[in-house]
Amino acid sequence: MLVGSGKLERYWDHQWSHWLVNLAQGDYAVSDEPILLTTVLGSCVAACLYAPDKQMGGINHFLLPQAGASESDSSSFRYGIHAMEVLINSLLRKGAARDTLELKVCGAADVVSGLSNRVGQANAAFIRLYAQQEQLNLLAADLGGENPRRVVFNPTTGSMKVKRLARHLSKDDLRHETVQAAKLEQKVLSNAEVELFNKDKEIVR
């Protein structure tokens, strides 16, 4: 069983000797199959949620904590508040016990110096606060820094492996990341609906 958003196409990876499913920005996936779920993160965050009682798990990839007041599609998986709700509910519908869920998170990097930093900080603060308020068992957090990350999540074991990528990006990747970060930062800073948490407000688990 593999459910989620986006294409969720499988491909065989010889390095991992596994079928992999790659998630794009704004996607999520839940599975109890022996596959690996992977995505690449800059200032975005991926939350990996595991249900040990069902040996099943899922991952999301969100860009911002929540939509601004002017956003028409506040239910988009691009926003953490909705992406987390959908991920949790997807596992619960498959029979997972909420109080056993295990959370691991990564991302929120400053991949373009100064530009995406505040977006990353807001995402990091959001996921820590969300885990505390929703009483989720946050087992691991690899957040911040300057390097992009590739995360590989095994939904049947709950294993999350993170590789720090070289900060140097191709011209096309850098252009895309710069444009994306500028748009996201403008949304975050221009909408009172989104609170930027200072470091002293972050919840450290």
N, C-alpha and C. Protein backbone atom coordinates (compact mmCIF):
# COMPACT_ATOMS: atom_id res chain seq x y z
N MET A 1 0.84 -1.19 0.00
CA MET A 1 0.00 0.00 0.00
C MET A 1 0.88 1.25 0.00
N LEU A 2 0.71 2.07 -1.02
CA LEU A 2 1.40 3.35 -1.12
C LEU A 2 0.38 4.39 -1.51
N VAL A 3 0.17 5.38 -0.61
CA VAL A 3 -0.78 6.45 -0.89
C VAL A 3 -0.10 7.78 -0.67
N GLY A 4 -0.65 8.81 -1.28
CA GLY A 4 -0.08 10.14 -1.10
C GLY A 4 -0.47 11.07 -2.22
N SER A 5 0.32 12.11 -2.39
CA SER A 5 0.07 13.10 -3.43
C SER A 5 1.18 13.03 -4.46
N GLY A 6 0.99 13.70 -5.58
CA GLY A 6 2.01 13.71 -6.62
C GLY A 6 2.01 12.41 -7.40
N LYS A 7 3.03 12.23 -8.23
CA LYS A 7 3.12 11.04 -9.10
C LYS A 7 3.51 9.79 -8.33
N LEU A 8 4.39 9.94 -7.34
CA LEU A 8 4.84 8.80 -6.53
C LEU A 8 5.31 7.63 -7.40
N GLU A 9 6.16 7.94 -8.35
CA GLU A 9 6.69 6.91 -9.24
C GLU A 9 7.86 6.18 -8.59
N ARG A 10 7.89 4.86 -8.73
CA ARG A 10 8.95 4.04 -8.17
C ARG A 10 10.07 3.86 -9.19
N TYR A 11 11.29 3.80 -8.69
CA TYR A 11 12.42 3.46 -9.54
C TYR A 11 13.42 2.65 -8.72
N TRP A 12 14.11 1.75 -9.39
CA TRP A 12 15.07 0.89 -8.70
C TRP A 12 16.39 1.62 -8.56
N ASP A 13 16.90 1.65 -7.32
CA ASP A 13 18.17 2.31 -7.04
C ASP A 13 19.20 1.26 -6.67
N HIS A 14 20.25 1.12 -7.49
CA HIS A 14 21.25 0.08 -7.26
C HIS A 14 22.10 0.37 -6.02
N GLN A 15 22.29 1.64 -5.71
CA GLN A 15 23.08 1.99 -4.53
C GLN A 15 22.39 1.50 -3.25
N TRP A 16 21.08 1.69 -3.19
CA TRP A 16 20.31 1.29 -2.02
C TRP A 16 19.77 -0.13 -2.12
N SER A 17 19.79 -0.68 -3.35
CA SER A 17 19.19 -2.00 -3.60
C SER A 17 17.74 -2.04 -3.12
N HIS A 18 17.05 -0.98 -3.45
CA HIS A 18 15.65 -0.81 -3.04
C HIS A 18 14.88 -0.07 -4.13
N TRP A 19 13.57 -0.25 -4.10
CA TRP A 19 12.71 0.64 -4.86
C TRP A 19 12.59 1.96 -4.10
N LEU A 20 12.80 3.06 -4.78
CA LEU A 20 12.70 4.39 -4.19
C LEU A 20 11.52 5.14 -4.80
N VAL A 21 10.93 6.00 -3.98
CA VAL A 21 9.89 6.92 -4.45
C VAL A 21 10.33 8.32 -4.08
N ASN A 22 10.48 9.17 -5.08
CA ASN A 22 10.96 10.53 -4.85
C ASN A 22 9.80 11.50 -4.70
N LEU A 23 9.85 12.31 -3.65
CA LEU A 23 8.81 13.32 -3.40
C LEU A 23 9.30 14.68 -3.83
N ALA A 24 8.42 15.44 -4.48
CA ALA A 24 8.70 16.82 -4.83
C ALA A 24 8.19 17.73 -3.71
N GLN A 25 8.46 19.03 -3.85
CA GLN A 25 7.95 20.00 -2.88
C GLN A 25 6.43 19.93 -2.82
N GLY A 26 5.90 19.90 -1.62
CA GLY A 26 4.45 19.87 -1.44
C GLY A 26 3.83 18.50 -1.52
N ASP A 27 4.65 17.45 -1.61
CA ASP A 27 4.13 16.08 -1.67
C ASP A 27 4.12 15.42 -0.30
N TYR A 28 3.38 14.32 -0.18
CA TYR A 28 3.47 13.45 0.98
C TYR A 28 3.22 12.03 0.51
N ALA A 29 3.70 11.06 1.30
CA ALA A 29 3.49 9.65 0.97
C ALA A 29 3.45 8.83 2.24
N VAL A 30 2.60 7.80 2.24
CA VAL A 30 2.48 6.86 3.36
C VAL A 30 2.53 5.45 2.78
N SER A 31 3.27 4.56 3.45
CA SER A 31 3.39 3.20 2.92
C SER A 31 3.73 2.20 4.03
N ASP A 32 3.35 0.93 3.77
CA ASP A 32 3.78 -0.17 4.62
C ASP A 32 4.56 -1.19 3.78
N GLU A 33 5.01 -0.76 2.60
CA GLU A 33 5.75 -1.62 1.69
C GLU A 33 7.26 -1.47 1.90
N PRO A 34 8.05 -2.47 1.51
CA PRO A 34 9.52 -2.40 1.65
C PRO A 34 10.14 -1.51 0.57
N ILE A 35 9.82 -0.22 0.63
CA ILE A 35 10.37 0.76 -0.30
C ILE A 35 11.03 1.86 0.53
N LEU A 36 11.69 2.78 -0.15
CA LEU A 36 12.29 3.94 0.50
C LEU A 36 11.66 5.20 -0.07
N LEU A 37 11.35 6.15 0.80
CA LEU A 37 10.77 7.43 0.41
C LEU A 37 11.84 8.50 0.57
N THR A 38 12.06 9.27 -0.47
CA THR A 38 13.18 10.21 -0.44
C THR A 38 12.80 11.57 -1.02
N THR A 39 13.50 12.61 -0.58
CA THR A 39 13.30 13.95 -1.11
C THR A 39 14.54 14.79 -0.80
N VAL A 40 14.69 15.89 -1.52
CA VAL A 40 15.81 16.81 -1.32
C VAL A 40 15.26 18.10 -0.74
N LEU A 41 15.93 18.61 0.29
CA LEU A 41 15.44 19.77 1.04
C LEU A 41 16.45 20.91 1.03
N GLY A 42 15.92 22.12 0.93
CA GLY A 42 16.70 23.32 1.16
C GLY A 42 16.19 23.96 2.44
N SER A 43 15.43 25.05 2.30
CA SER A 43 14.81 25.69 3.47
C SER A 43 13.52 24.98 3.88
N CYS A 44 13.07 24.04 3.05
CA CYS A 44 11.86 23.27 3.37
C CYS A 44 12.15 22.28 4.50
N VAL A 45 11.10 21.64 4.99
CA VAL A 45 11.22 20.64 6.04
C VAL A 45 10.50 19.37 5.62
N ALA A 46 11.10 18.23 5.96
CA ALA A 46 10.44 16.93 5.79
C ALA A 46 10.19 16.35 7.18
N ALA A 47 8.97 15.92 7.40
CA ALA A 47 8.63 15.22 8.65
C ALA A 47 8.40 13.75 8.33
N CYS A 48 9.13 12.90 9.04
CA CYS A 48 8.99 11.45 8.87
C CYS A 48 8.26 10.90 10.09
N LEU A 49 7.12 10.29 9.86
CA LEU A 49 6.28 9.80 10.95
C LEU A 49 6.15 8.29 10.84
N TYR A 50 6.42 7.60 11.96
CA TYR A 50 6.44 6.13 11.96
C TYR A 50 5.47 5.58 12.99
N ALA A 51 4.72 4.56 12.57
CA ALA A 51 3.79 3.87 13.47
C ALA A 51 4.34 2.48 13.76
N PRO A 52 5.06 2.30 14.88
CA PRO A 52 5.71 1.02 15.15
C PRO A 52 4.73 -0.14 15.33
N ASP A 53 3.51 0.17 15.78
CA ASP A 53 2.54 -0.90 15.97
C ASP A 53 2.06 -1.49 14.65
N LYS A 54 2.21 -0.73 13.57
CA LYS A 54 1.78 -1.20 12.24
C LYS A 54 2.95 -1.37 11.28
N GLN A 55 4.16 -1.04 11.74
CA GLN A 55 5.33 -1.06 10.86
C GLN A 55 5.02 -0.34 9.55
N MET A 56 4.60 0.89 9.72
CA MET A 56 4.13 1.71 8.60
C MET A 56 4.53 3.15 8.90
N GLY A 57 4.81 3.91 7.84
CA GLY A 57 5.19 5.29 8.07
C GLY A 57 4.95 6.16 6.86
N GLY A 58 5.23 7.44 7.04
CA GLY A 58 5.03 8.38 5.95
C GLY A 58 5.94 9.59 6.09
N ILE A 59 6.01 10.36 5.02
CA ILE A 59 6.87 11.53 4.98
C ILE A 59 6.16 12.64 4.21
N ASN A 60 6.44 13.88 4.58
CA ASN A 60 5.94 15.01 3.80
C ASN A 60 7.09 15.95 3.47
N HIS A 61 6.82 16.96 2.67
CA HIS A 61 7.82 17.95 2.27
C HIS A 61 7.10 19.29 2.15
N PHE A 62 7.19 20.11 3.22
CA PHE A 62 6.45 21.37 3.19
C PHE A 62 7.39 22.57 3.09
N LEU A 63 6.83 23.64 2.51
CA LEU A 63 7.62 24.83 2.19
C LEU A 63 7.50 25.94 3.21
N LEU A 64 6.34 26.07 3.83
CA LEU A 64 6.06 27.13 4.79
C LEU A 64 5.21 26.58 5.92
N PRO A 65 5.25 27.21 7.10
CA PRO A 65 4.42 26.74 8.21
C PRO A 65 2.93 26.76 7.88
N GLN A 66 2.45 27.86 7.30
CA GLN A 66 1.03 27.96 6.99
C GLN A 66 0.82 29.03 5.94
N ALA A 67 -0.37 29.04 5.36
CA ALA A 67 -0.67 30.02 4.32
C ALA A 67 -0.89 31.39 4.93
N GLY A 68 -0.59 32.42 4.17
CA GLY A 68 -0.85 33.78 4.60
C GLY A 68 -2.33 34.13 4.42
N ALA A 69 -2.71 35.26 4.92
CA ALA A 69 -4.12 35.68 4.87
C ALA A 69 -4.61 35.84 3.44
N SER A 70 -3.70 36.16 2.53
CA SER A 70 -4.10 36.39 1.14
C SER A 70 -4.09 35.13 0.30
N GLU A 71 -3.64 34.01 0.87
CA GLU A 71 -3.55 32.77 0.11
C GLU A 71 -4.93 32.12 0.00
N SER A 72 -5.31 31.73 -1.22
CA SER A 72 -6.63 31.13 -1.43
C SER A 72 -6.62 29.64 -1.14
N ASP A 73 -5.47 28.98 -1.30
CA ASP A 73 -5.40 27.53 -1.13
C ASP A 73 -4.65 27.19 0.16
N SER A 74 -5.28 27.43 1.30
CA SER A 74 -4.64 27.21 2.59
C SER A 74 -4.53 25.73 2.94
N SER A 75 -5.23 24.88 2.17
CA SER A 75 -5.20 23.45 2.45
C SER A 75 -4.12 22.72 1.65
N SER A 76 -3.28 23.48 0.97
CA SER A 76 -2.24 22.87 0.15
C SER A 76 -1.24 22.12 1.02
N PHE A 77 -0.71 21.02 0.49
CA PHE A 77 0.32 20.26 1.20
C PHE A 77 1.64 21.03 1.29
N ARG A 78 1.71 22.17 0.61
CA ARG A 78 2.91 23.01 0.70
C ARG A 78 3.07 23.61 2.09
N TYR A 79 1.99 23.65 2.86
CA TYR A 79 2.02 24.30 4.17
C TYR A 79 2.04 23.27 5.29
N GLY A 80 2.97 23.48 6.24
CA GLY A 80 3.20 22.51 7.30
C GLY A 80 1.97 22.17 8.11
N ILE A 81 1.15 23.17 8.42
CA ILE A 81 0.00 22.93 9.29
C ILE A 81 -0.95 21.92 8.65
N HIS A 82 -1.10 21.98 7.34
CA HIS A 82 -1.98 21.04 6.64
C HIS A 82 -1.25 19.74 6.32
N ALA A 83 0.01 19.85 5.93
CA ALA A 83 0.78 18.66 5.58
C ALA A 83 0.92 17.71 6.77
N MET A 84 1.07 18.26 7.97
CA MET A 84 1.19 17.43 9.16
C MET A 84 -0.13 16.76 9.50
N GLU A 85 -1.21 17.51 9.38
CA GLU A 85 -2.54 16.97 9.69
C GLU A 85 -2.88 15.80 8.76
N VAL A 86 -2.59 15.99 7.47
CA VAL A 86 -2.88 14.94 6.49
C VAL A 86 -2.01 13.71 6.73
N LEU A 87 -0.75 13.92 7.04
CA LEU A 87 0.16 12.80 7.29
C LEU A 87 -0.29 11.99 8.50
N ILE A 88 -0.61 12.67 9.58
CA ILE A 88 -1.07 11.98 10.79
C ILE A 88 -2.37 11.23 10.53
N ASN A 89 -3.33 11.90 9.92
CA ASN A 89 -4.63 11.27 9.67
C ASN A 89 -4.53 10.09 8.71
N SER A 90 -3.61 10.16 7.77
CA SER A 90 -3.43 9.04 6.84
C SER A 90 -2.99 7.79 7.58
N LEU A 91 -2.10 7.96 8.56
CA LEU A 91 -1.64 6.82 9.36
C LEU A 91 -2.74 6.32 10.29
N LEU A 92 -3.49 7.25 10.87
CA LEU A 92 -4.58 6.84 11.77
C LEU A 92 -5.65 6.07 11.03
N ARG A 93 -5.94 6.47 9.80
CA ARG A 93 -6.95 5.77 9.01
C ARG A 93 -6.51 4.35 8.67
N LYS A 94 -5.21 4.12 8.67
CA LYS A 94 -4.69 2.78 8.41
C LYS A 94 -4.54 1.96 9.69
N GLY A 95 -5.04 2.50 10.81
CA GLY A 95 -5.06 1.74 12.05
C GLY A 95 -3.95 2.03 13.03
N ALA A 96 -3.11 3.03 12.75
CA ALA A 96 -2.03 3.37 13.68
C ALA A 96 -2.59 3.99 14.95
N ALA A 97 -1.92 3.75 16.07
CA ALA A 97 -2.30 4.35 17.34
C ALA A 97 -1.56 5.68 17.48
N ARG A 98 -2.31 6.76 17.70
CA ARG A 98 -1.71 8.09 17.70
C ARG A 98 -0.62 8.25 18.76
N ASP A 99 -0.83 7.66 19.93
CA ASP A 99 0.12 7.87 21.02
C ASP A 99 1.42 7.09 20.82
N THR A 100 1.49 6.26 19.79
CA THR A 100 2.74 5.53 19.52
C THR A 100 3.54 6.14 18.39
N LEU A 101 3.02 7.15 17.71
CA LEU A 101 3.69 7.72 16.55
C LEU A 101 5.04 8.33 16.92
N GLU A 102 6.02 8.07 16.07
CA GLU A 102 7.38 8.57 16.29
C GLU A 102 7.74 9.53 15.16
N LEU A 103 8.22 10.71 15.54
CA LEU A 103 8.49 11.77 14.58
C LEU A 103 9.99 12.05 14.47
N LYS A 104 10.46 12.16 13.24
CA LYS A 104 11.82 12.60 12.96
C LYS A 104 11.74 13.67 11.87
N VAL A 105 12.52 14.74 12.01
CA VAL A 105 12.40 15.86 11.07
C VAL A 105 13.78 16.34 10.62
N CYS A 106 13.83 16.93 9.44
CA CYS A 106 15.08 17.50 8.96
C CYS A 106 14.80 18.58 7.92
N GLY A 107 15.82 19.39 7.64
CA GLY A 107 15.70 20.46 6.65
C GLY A 107 15.91 21.83 7.26
N ALA A 108 15.23 22.85 6.73
CA ALA A 108 15.26 24.23 7.24
C ALA A 108 16.63 24.87 7.14
N ALA A 109 17.33 24.61 6.03
CA ALA A 109 18.68 25.15 5.86
C ALA A 109 18.65 26.55 5.25
N ASP A 110 19.75 27.27 5.43
CA ASP A 110 19.95 28.57 4.78
C ASP A 110 20.81 28.31 3.54
N VAL A 111 20.18 27.82 2.49
CA VAL A 111 20.94 27.40 1.31
C VAL A 111 21.36 28.57 0.42
N VAL A 112 20.66 29.69 0.53
CA VAL A 112 21.06 30.91 -0.17
C VAL A 112 21.29 31.95 0.90
N SER A 113 22.54 32.30 1.15
CA SER A 113 22.92 33.10 2.31
C SER A 113 22.01 34.29 2.53
N GLY A 114 21.37 34.30 3.70
CA GLY A 114 20.57 35.44 4.11
C GLY A 114 19.19 35.47 3.54
N LEU A 115 19.00 34.89 2.35
CA LEU A 115 17.72 35.03 1.66
C LEU A 115 16.66 34.10 2.22
N SER A 116 17.04 32.81 2.35
CA SER A 116 16.06 31.83 2.80
C SER A 116 16.18 31.53 4.29
N ASN A 117 17.10 32.24 4.96
CA ASN A 117 17.39 31.92 6.35
C ASN A 117 16.16 32.05 7.23
N ARG A 118 15.40 33.14 7.04
CA ARG A 118 14.25 33.35 7.91
C ARG A 118 13.13 32.36 7.60
N VAL A 119 13.04 31.91 6.36
CA VAL A 119 12.07 30.88 6.02
C VAL A 119 12.44 29.58 6.72
N GLY A 120 13.73 29.23 6.66
CA GLY A 120 14.19 28.02 7.33
C GLY A 120 13.97 28.09 8.83
N GLN A 121 14.26 29.23 9.43
CA GLN A 121 14.05 29.40 10.87
C GLN A 121 12.58 29.25 11.24
N ALA A 122 11.71 29.83 10.42
CA ALA A 122 10.28 29.74 10.69
C ALA A 122 9.81 28.29 10.58
N ASN A 123 10.30 27.57 9.57
CA ASN A 123 9.92 26.16 9.41
C ASN A 123 10.42 25.31 10.57
N ALA A 124 11.66 25.55 11.00
CA ALA A 124 12.23 24.78 12.11
C ALA A 124 11.45 25.03 13.40
N ALA A 125 11.15 26.30 13.65
CA ALA A 125 10.42 26.64 14.87
C ALA A 125 9.01 26.06 14.83
N PHE A 126 8.39 26.11 13.66
CA PHE A 126 7.04 25.57 13.52
C PHE A 126 6.98 24.08 13.85
N ILE A 127 7.89 23.29 13.28
CA ILE A 127 7.77 21.84 13.46
C ILE A 127 8.08 21.44 14.90
N ARG A 128 8.97 22.15 15.56
CA ARG A 128 9.25 21.86 16.97
C ARG A 128 8.03 22.20 17.84
N LEU A 129 7.44 23.36 17.57
CA LEU A 129 6.28 23.77 18.35
C LEU A 129 5.09 22.86 18.07
N TYR A 130 4.92 22.48 16.81
CA TYR A 130 3.82 21.59 16.45
C TYR A 130 3.95 20.26 17.17
N ALA A 131 5.16 19.72 17.19
CA ALA A 131 5.38 18.44 17.87
C ALA A 131 5.05 18.54 19.35
N GLN A 132 5.39 19.66 19.97
CA GLN A 132 5.10 19.84 21.39
C GLN A 132 3.60 19.99 21.63
N GLN A 133 2.95 20.82 20.83
CA GLN A 133 1.52 21.08 21.04
C GLN A 133 0.67 19.86 20.74
N GLU A 134 1.08 19.07 19.75
CA GLU A 134 0.32 17.87 19.38
C GLU A 134 0.78 16.63 20.15
N GLN A 135 1.74 16.84 21.05
CA GLN A 135 2.25 15.76 21.91
C GLN A 135 2.76 14.57 21.09
N LEU A 136 3.52 14.91 20.05
CA LEU A 136 4.15 13.89 19.23
C LEU A 136 5.52 13.56 19.81
N ASN A 137 5.91 12.32 19.67
CA ASN A 137 7.19 11.87 20.20
C ASN A 137 8.29 12.21 19.20
N LEU A 138 8.96 13.35 19.40
CA LEU A 138 10.01 13.81 18.50
C LEU A 138 11.33 13.13 18.87
N LEU A 139 11.72 12.16 18.06
CA LEU A 139 12.92 11.36 18.36
C LEU A 139 14.20 11.98 17.81
N ALA A 140 14.11 12.68 16.70
CA ALA A 140 15.33 13.21 16.08
C ALA A 140 14.98 14.45 15.27
N ALA A 141 15.91 15.43 15.28
CA ALA A 141 15.73 16.65 14.51
C ALA A 141 17.08 17.10 13.96
N ASP A 142 17.17 17.21 12.66
CA ASP A 142 18.37 17.72 11.99
C ASP A 142 17.94 18.94 11.20
N LEU A 143 18.00 20.10 11.85
CA LEU A 143 17.44 21.32 11.30
C LEU A 143 18.48 22.44 11.26
N GLY A 144 18.37 23.31 10.25
CA GLY A 144 19.25 24.46 10.17
C GLY A 144 20.53 24.19 9.39
N GLY A 145 21.51 25.03 9.61
CA GLY A 145 22.77 24.91 8.88
C GLY A 145 22.67 25.53 7.50
N GLU A 146 23.69 25.29 6.69
CA GLU A 146 23.76 25.92 5.37
C GLU A 146 23.64 24.95 4.21
N ASN A 147 23.66 23.66 4.49
CA ASN A 147 23.69 22.68 3.42
C ASN A 147 22.32 22.10 3.10
N PRO A 148 22.04 21.92 1.81
CA PRO A 148 20.85 21.15 1.44
C PRO A 148 21.00 19.72 1.96
N ARG A 149 19.91 19.00 2.02
CA ARG A 149 19.93 17.63 2.51
C ARG A 149 19.14 16.71 1.59
N ARG A 150 19.59 15.47 1.52
CA ARG A 150 18.75 14.42 0.97
C ARG A 150 18.36 13.51 2.13
N VAL A 151 17.06 13.28 2.27
CA VAL A 151 16.57 12.40 3.33
C VAL A 151 16.01 11.14 2.68
N VAL A 152 16.32 10.00 3.28
CA VAL A 152 15.82 8.71 2.82
C VAL A 152 15.13 8.05 4.01
N PHE A 153 13.83 7.80 3.87
CA PHE A 153 13.03 7.27 4.97
C PHE A 153 12.50 5.89 4.62
N ASN A 154 12.69 4.95 5.55
CA ASN A 154 12.16 3.60 5.40
C ASN A 154 10.85 3.52 6.19
N PRO A 155 9.71 3.44 5.52
CA PRO A 155 8.43 3.48 6.23
C PRO A 155 8.11 2.22 7.03
N THR A 156 8.83 1.13 6.80
CA THR A 156 8.54 -0.11 7.52
C THR A 156 9.40 -0.26 8.78
N THR A 157 10.46 0.54 8.89
CA THR A 157 11.33 0.46 10.08
C THR A 157 11.41 1.78 10.84
N GLY A 158 11.03 2.88 10.20
CA GLY A 158 11.14 4.18 10.83
C GLY A 158 12.52 4.80 10.72
N SER A 159 13.42 4.17 9.99
CA SER A 159 14.78 4.68 9.83
C SER A 159 14.79 5.91 8.93
N MET A 160 15.41 6.98 9.39
CA MET A 160 15.59 8.19 8.60
C MET A 160 17.08 8.45 8.43
N LYS A 161 17.55 8.44 7.20
CA LYS A 161 18.96 8.72 6.92
C LYS A 161 19.05 10.03 6.17
N VAL A 162 19.99 10.87 6.62
CA VAL A 162 20.13 12.20 6.04
C VAL A 162 21.56 12.39 5.53
N LYS A 163 21.67 12.87 4.31
CA LYS A 163 22.97 13.18 3.74
C LYS A 163 23.05 14.66 3.47
N ARG A 164 24.09 15.31 4.03
CA ARG A 164 24.32 16.72 3.74
C ARG A 164 24.92 16.83 2.34
N LEU A 165 24.33 17.65 1.51
CA LEU A 165 24.79 17.82 0.15
C LEU A 165 25.71 19.02 0.04
N ALA A 166 26.53 19.05 -1.00
CA ALA A 166 27.41 20.18 -1.21
C ALA A 166 26.58 21.44 -1.36
N ARG A 167 27.05 22.50 -0.74
CA ARG A 167 26.28 23.74 -0.80
C ARG A 167 26.30 24.33 -2.19
N HIS A 168 27.34 24.00 -2.95
CA HIS A 168 27.42 24.51 -4.32
C HIS A 168 26.34 23.87 -5.18
N LEU A 169 25.50 24.68 -5.78
CA LEU A 169 24.43 24.18 -6.64
C LEU A 169 24.70 24.58 -8.08
N SER A 170 24.10 23.87 -9.00
CA SER A 170 24.21 24.25 -10.40
C SER A 170 23.54 25.60 -10.60
N LYS A 171 23.84 26.25 -11.72
CA LYS A 171 23.24 27.56 -11.98
C LYS A 171 21.72 27.48 -12.02
N ASP A 172 21.21 26.42 -12.64
CA ASP A 172 19.76 26.27 -12.72
C ASP A 172 19.17 26.04 -11.34
N ASP A 173 19.80 25.18 -10.53
CA ASP A 173 19.31 24.90 -9.18
C ASP A 173 19.39 26.16 -8.32
N LEU A 174 20.48 26.90 -8.46
CA LEU A 174 20.66 28.11 -7.66
C LEU A 174 19.61 29.16 -8.03
N ARG A 175 19.36 29.29 -9.34
CA ARG A 175 18.35 30.25 -9.78
C ARG A 175 16.97 29.87 -9.25
N HIS A 176 16.65 28.57 -9.32
CA HIS A 176 15.35 28.11 -8.83
C HIS A 176 15.23 28.32 -7.33
N GLU A 177 16.29 27.97 -6.60
CA GLU A 177 16.25 28.10 -5.14
C GLU A 177 16.15 29.57 -4.73
N THR A 178 16.86 30.45 -5.46
CA THR A 178 16.83 31.88 -5.15
C THR A 178 15.43 32.46 -5.37
N VAL A 179 14.83 32.14 -6.51
CA VAL A 179 13.49 32.63 -6.81
C VAL A 179 12.48 32.09 -5.80
N GLN A 180 12.59 30.77 -5.51
CA GLN A 180 11.66 30.13 -4.58
C GLN A 180 11.79 30.74 -3.19
N ALA A 181 13.04 30.91 -2.73
CA ALA A 181 13.27 31.46 -1.39
C ALA A 181 12.75 32.89 -1.29
N ALA A 182 12.95 33.68 -2.35
CA ALA A 182 12.48 35.07 -2.34
C ALA A 182 10.96 35.12 -2.23
N LYS A 183 10.28 34.26 -2.99
CA LYS A 183 8.82 34.23 -2.94
C LYS A 183 8.32 33.81 -1.57
N LEU A 184 8.95 32.77 -1.03
CA LEU A 184 8.50 32.26 0.27
C LEU A 184 8.77 33.27 1.37
N GLU A 185 9.95 33.90 1.32
CA GLU A 185 10.26 34.89 2.36
C GLU A 185 9.29 36.05 2.30
N GLN A 186 8.93 36.48 1.10
CA GLN A 186 7.98 37.58 0.97
C GLN A 186 6.63 37.21 1.57
N LYS A 187 6.20 35.96 1.34
CA LYS A 187 4.92 35.52 1.91
C LYS A 187 4.98 35.49 3.43
N VAL A 188 6.09 34.97 3.95
CA VAL A 188 6.21 34.86 5.40
C VAL A 188 6.24 36.22 6.07
N LEU A 189 7.04 37.13 5.51
CA LEU A 189 7.26 38.41 6.15
C LEU A 189 6.11 39.39 5.95
N SER A 190 5.32 39.18 4.89
CA SER A 190 4.26 40.14 4.58
C SER A 190 2.91 39.77 5.16
N ASN A 191 2.80 38.60 5.80
CA ASN A 191 1.52 38.17 6.34
C ASN A 191 1.59 38.02 7.85
N ALA A 192 0.72 38.76 8.53
CA ALA A 192 0.70 38.68 9.98
C ALA A 192 0.23 37.33 10.47
N GLU A 193 -0.35 36.53 9.56
CA GLU A 193 -0.86 35.22 9.94
C GLU A 193 0.27 34.26 10.30
N VAL A 194 1.47 34.55 9.81
CA VAL A 194 2.60 33.67 10.05
C VAL A 194 3.55 34.32 11.04
N GLU A 195 3.80 33.67 12.14
CA GLU A 195 4.69 34.22 13.16
C GLU A 195 6.08 33.66 12.96
N LEU A 196 7.07 34.56 12.93
CA LEU A 196 8.46 34.14 12.86
C LEU A 196 8.97 34.00 14.29
N PHE A 197 9.27 32.80 14.70
CA PHE A 197 9.71 32.55 16.06
C PHE A 197 11.19 32.88 16.18
N ASN A 198 11.54 33.64 17.21
CA ASN A 198 12.94 33.89 17.49
C ASN A 198 13.58 32.67 18.12
N LYS A 199 14.90 32.65 18.16
CA LYS A 199 15.59 31.48 18.69
C LYS A 199 15.19 31.18 20.13
N ASP A 200 14.96 32.25 20.91
CA ASP A 200 14.62 32.02 22.31
C ASP A 200 13.21 31.49 22.48
N LYS A 201 12.45 31.45 21.37
CA LYS A 201 11.10 30.88 21.44
C LYS A 201 11.04 29.45 20.94
N GLU A 202 12.14 29.00 20.35
CA GLU A 202 12.14 27.65 19.81
C GLU A 202 12.06 26.62 20.94
N ILE A 203 11.33 25.56 20.70
CA ILE A 203 11.21 24.48 21.65
C ILE A 203 12.23 23.41 21.30
N VAL A 204 13.17 23.19 22.16
CA VAL A 204 14.21 22.20 21.91
C VAL A 204 13.85 20.91 22.62
N ARG A 205 13.74 19.84 21.82
CA ARG A 205 13.36 18.55 22.38
C ARG A 205 14.60 17.64 22.47
